[in-house]
C-alpha atoms as a PDB file:
ATOM      1  CA  MET A   1      23.316 -13.699   2.045  1.00  0.00           C
ATOM      2  CA  GLY A   2      21.532 -16.803   3.472  1.00  0.00           C
ATOM      3  CA  ARG A   3      18.544 -18.535   1.852  1.00  0.00           C
ATOM      4  CA  LEU A   4      16.177 -17.288   4.620  1.00  0.00           C
ATOM      5  CA  ASP A   5      17.171 -13.693   3.739  1.00  0.00           C
ATOM      6  CA  LEU A   6      14.905 -13.982   0.615  1.00  0.00           C
ATOM      7  CA  VAL A   7      11.905 -15.468   2.382  1.00  0.00           C
ATOM      8  CA  GLY A   8       8.879 -12.915   2.313  1.00  0.00           C
ATOM      9  CA  ILE A   9       7.222 -10.270   0.362  1.00  0.00           C
ATOM     10  CA  GLY A  10       8.636  -6.901  -0.655  1.00  0.00           C
ATOM     11  CA  PHE A  11       7.176  -3.815  -2.125  1.00  0.00           C
ATOM     12  CA  LEU A  12       8.675  -1.586  -5.320  1.00  0.00           C
ATOM     13  CA  ARG A  13       7.764   1.943  -6.292  1.00  0.00           C
ATOM     14  CA  VAL A  14       9.473   3.188  -9.353  1.00  0.00           C
ATOM     15  CA  TYR A  15       9.656   6.955 -10.112  1.00  0.00           C
ATOM     16  CA  SER A  16       9.639   6.610 -13.867  1.00  0.00           C
ATOM     17  CA  ALA A  17       9.660   9.432 -16.426  1.00  0.00           C
ATOM     18  CA  THR A  18       6.146  11.147 -16.702  1.00  0.00           C
ATOM     19  CA  GLU A  19       4.030  11.900 -19.512  1.00  0.00           C
ATOM     20  CA  THR A  20       1.792  15.182 -19.967  1.00  0.00           C
ATOM     21  CA  ARG A  21      -1.820  14.358 -20.411  1.00  0.00           C
ATOM     22  CA  GLN A  22      -4.441  17.007 -20.806  1.00  0.00           C
ATOM     23  CA  VAL A  23      -7.956  16.901 -19.392  1.00  0.00           C
ATOM     24  CA  GLY A  24      -9.942  19.825 -20.476  1.00  0.00           C
ATOM     25  CA  LYS A  25      -8.531  22.892 -21.676  1.00  0.00           C
ATOM     26  CA  PHE A  26      -6.097  23.938 -19.036  1.00  0.00           C
ATOM     27  CA  ILE A  27      -5.728  20.839 -16.601  1.00  0.00           C
ATOM     28  CA  ASN A  28      -2.556  18.930 -16.952  1.00  0.00           C
ATOM     29  CA  TYR A  29      -1.722  15.565 -15.336  1.00  0.00           C
ATOM     30  CA  TYR A  30       1.651  13.862 -15.406  1.00  0.00           C
ATOM     31  CA  PRO A  31       1.334  10.126 -14.839  1.00  0.00           C
ATOM     32  CA  HIS A  32       4.422   7.855 -14.602  1.00  0.00           C
ATOM     33  CA  THR A  33       5.390   5.781 -17.732  1.00  0.00           C
ATOM     34  CA  PRO A  34       5.139   1.924 -17.660  1.00  0.00           C
ATOM     35  CA  TYR A  35       8.202  -0.252 -16.970  1.00  0.00           C
ATOM     36  CA  LEU A  36       9.083  -3.975 -16.909  1.00  0.00           C
ATOM     37  CA  ILE A  37      10.546  -6.004 -14.194  1.00  0.00           C
ATOM     38  CA  TYR A  38      12.950  -8.985 -15.041  1.00  0.00           C
ATOM     39  CA  ASN A  39      14.255 -11.794 -12.831  1.00  0.00           C
ATOM     40  CA  THR A  40      17.979 -12.476 -12.533  1.00  0.00           C
ATOM     41  CA  ASN A  41      17.597 -14.862 -15.758  1.00  0.00           C
ATOM     42  CA  GLY A  42      16.551 -11.781 -17.905  1.00  0.00           C
ATOM     43  CA  THR A  43      13.127 -13.114 -18.248  1.00  0.00           C
ATOM     44  CA  ALA A  44      10.202 -10.496 -17.957  1.00  0.00           C
ATOM     45  CA  VAL A  45       8.253 -11.212 -14.779  1.00  0.00           C
ATOM     46  CA  ARG A  46       5.820  -8.296 -14.915  1.00  0.00           C
ATOM     47  CA  TRP A  47       4.813  -5.092 -16.820  1.00  0.00           C
ATOM     48  CA  VAL A  48       3.693  -2.236 -14.644  1.00  0.00           C
ATOM     49  CA  ALA A  49       1.259   0.149 -16.066  1.00  0.00           C
ATOM     50  CA  ASN A  50       2.542   2.662 -13.113  1.00  0.00           C
ATOM     51  CA  ALA A  51      -0.689   4.525 -13.189  1.00  0.00           C
ATOM     52  CA  ALA A  52      -4.136   3.736 -12.093  1.00  0.00           C
ATOM     53  CA  ALA A  53      -5.798   6.091 -14.606  1.00  0.00           C
ATOM     54  CA  THR A  54      -4.693   8.987 -17.018  1.00  0.00           C
ATOM     55  CA  THR A  55      -5.068  11.549 -14.253  1.00  0.00           C
ATOM     56  CA  ASP A  56      -2.971   9.357 -11.647  1.00  0.00           C
ATOM     57  CA  GLU A  57       0.206  11.043 -10.724  1.00  0.00           C
ATOM     58  CA  THR A  58       1.289   8.686  -7.956  1.00  0.00           C
ATOM     59  CA  PRO A  59       3.540   5.768  -9.124  1.00  0.00           C
ATOM     60  CA  ALA A  60       2.130   2.298  -8.587  1.00  0.00           C
ATOM     61  CA  LEU A  61       2.820   0.151  -5.388  1.00  0.00           C
ATOM     62  CA  VAL A  62       3.977  -3.393  -6.606  1.00  0.00           C
ATOM     63  CA  ARG A  63       3.986  -6.305  -4.341  1.00  0.00           C
ATOM     64  CA  LEU A  64       6.747  -8.788  -5.184  1.00  0.00           C
ATOM     65  CA  PRO A  65       8.226 -12.018  -3.749  1.00  0.00           C
ATOM     66  CA  ALA A  66      11.624 -11.269  -1.937  1.00  0.00           C
ATOM     67  CA  GLY A  67      14.563 -11.448  -4.392  1.00  0.00           C
ATOM     68  CA  PHE A  68      16.784  -9.771  -7.015  1.00  0.00           C
ATOM     69  CA  TYR A  69      15.170  -7.991 -10.005  1.00  0.00           C
ATOM     70  CA  GLU A  70      16.047  -5.698 -12.831  1.00  0.00           C
ATOM     71  CA  ILE A  71      13.985  -2.763 -13.512  1.00  0.00           C
ATOM     72  CA  ARG A  72      13.895  -1.214 -17.017  1.00  0.00           C
ATOM     73  CA  ALA A  73      12.049   2.288 -16.984  1.00  0.00           C
ATOM     74  CA  GLN A  74      12.091   5.262 -18.924  1.00  0.00           C
ATOM     75  CA  ASP A  75      13.755   8.293 -17.421  1.00  0.00           C
ATOM     76  CA  ASP A  76      13.094  12.084 -17.990  1.00  0.00           C
ATOM     77  CA  ASN A  77      16.018  12.484 -20.200  1.00  0.00           C
END
């Protein structure tokens, strides 16, 4: 991989585990849990809430510079 291969911006969407949130008596929502993004040195780059609100079930779309990252997220098991 050459140096120019890492030029630009990319996007990341992580489908982490979901939590059950109840609004009212009978309405449940399942927002995705937060996660951390680390660079190749192991330094935390960004914490992502992964939901815009307690009723948001769509994982966040994160904009990142091109590169290599490690993601640490909770899974459903």
